[in-house]
Amino acid sequence: MVALKNSTFSIVAVYPILTQSLSFPLILWLQ
């Protein structure tokens, strides 16, 4: 249960950073 909570927290923490790092070059490339 603790491991599940930690993995969910890490996903929540990493996901915005990952999406920003992926979307930022994509936005620049599309412009």
C-alpha atoms as a PDB file:
ATOM      1  CA  MET A   1       0.000   0.000   0.000  1.00  0.00           C
ATOM      2  CA  VAL A   2       2.865   2.371   0.835  1.00  0.00           C
ATOM      3  CA  ALA A   3       4.674   1.435  -2.376  1.00  0.00           C
ATOM      4  CA  LEU A   4       1.512   2.137  -4.371  1.00  0.00           C
ATOM      5  CA  LYS A   5       1.173   5.524  -2.700  1.00  0.00           C
ATOM      6  CA  ASN A   6       4.804   6.370  -3.436  1.00  0.00           C
ATOM      7  CA  SER A   7       4.545   5.343  -7.092  1.00  0.00           C
ATOM      8  CA  THR A   8       1.344   7.368  -7.518  1.00  0.00           C
ATOM      9  CA  PHE A   9       3.038  10.385  -5.943  1.00  0.00           C
ATOM     10  CA  SER A  10       6.074  10.023  -8.208  1.00  0.00           C
ATOM     11  CA  ILE A  11       3.805   9.786 -11.276  1.00  0.00           C
ATOM     12  CA  VAL A  12       1.937  12.917 -10.174  1.00  0.00           C
ATOM     13  CA  ALA A  13       5.249  14.698  -9.558  1.00  0.00           C
ATOM     14  CA  VAL A  14       6.952  13.604 -12.797  1.00  0.00           C
ATOM     15  CA  TYR A  15       3.989  13.783 -15.197  1.00  0.00           C
ATOM     16  CA  PRO A  16       3.720  17.625 -15.426  1.00  0.00           C
ATOM     17  CA  ILE A  17       7.494  17.918 -15.869  1.00  0.00           C
ATOM     18  CA  LEU A  18       7.432  15.233 -18.554  1.00  0.00           C
ATOM     19  CA  THR A  19       4.512  16.796 -20.432  1.00  0.00           C
ATOM     20  CA  GLN A  20       6.092  20.269 -20.253  1.00  0.00           C
ATOM     21  CA  SER A  21       9.446  19.008 -21.511  1.00  0.00           C
ATOM     22  CA  LEU A  22       7.688  17.188 -24.369  1.00  0.00           C
ATOM     23  CA  SER A  23       5.162  19.893 -25.282  1.00  0.00           C
ATOM     24  CA  PHE A  24       7.560  22.846 -25.156  1.00  0.00           C
ATOM     25  CA  PRO A  25       9.772  21.746 -28.110  1.00  0.00           C
ATOM     26  CA  LEU A  26       6.643  20.596 -29.930  1.00  0.00           C
ATOM     27  CA  ILE A  27       5.050  24.057 -29.597  1.00  0.00           C
ATOM     28  CA  LEU A  28       8.267  25.697 -30.799  1.00  0.00           C
ATOM     29  CA  TRP A  29       8.479  23.262 -33.710  1.00  0.00           C
ATOM     30  CA  LEU A  30       4.856  23.838 -34.737  1.00  0.00           C
ATOM     31  CA  GLN A  31       5.351  27.601 -34.764  1.00  0.00           C
END
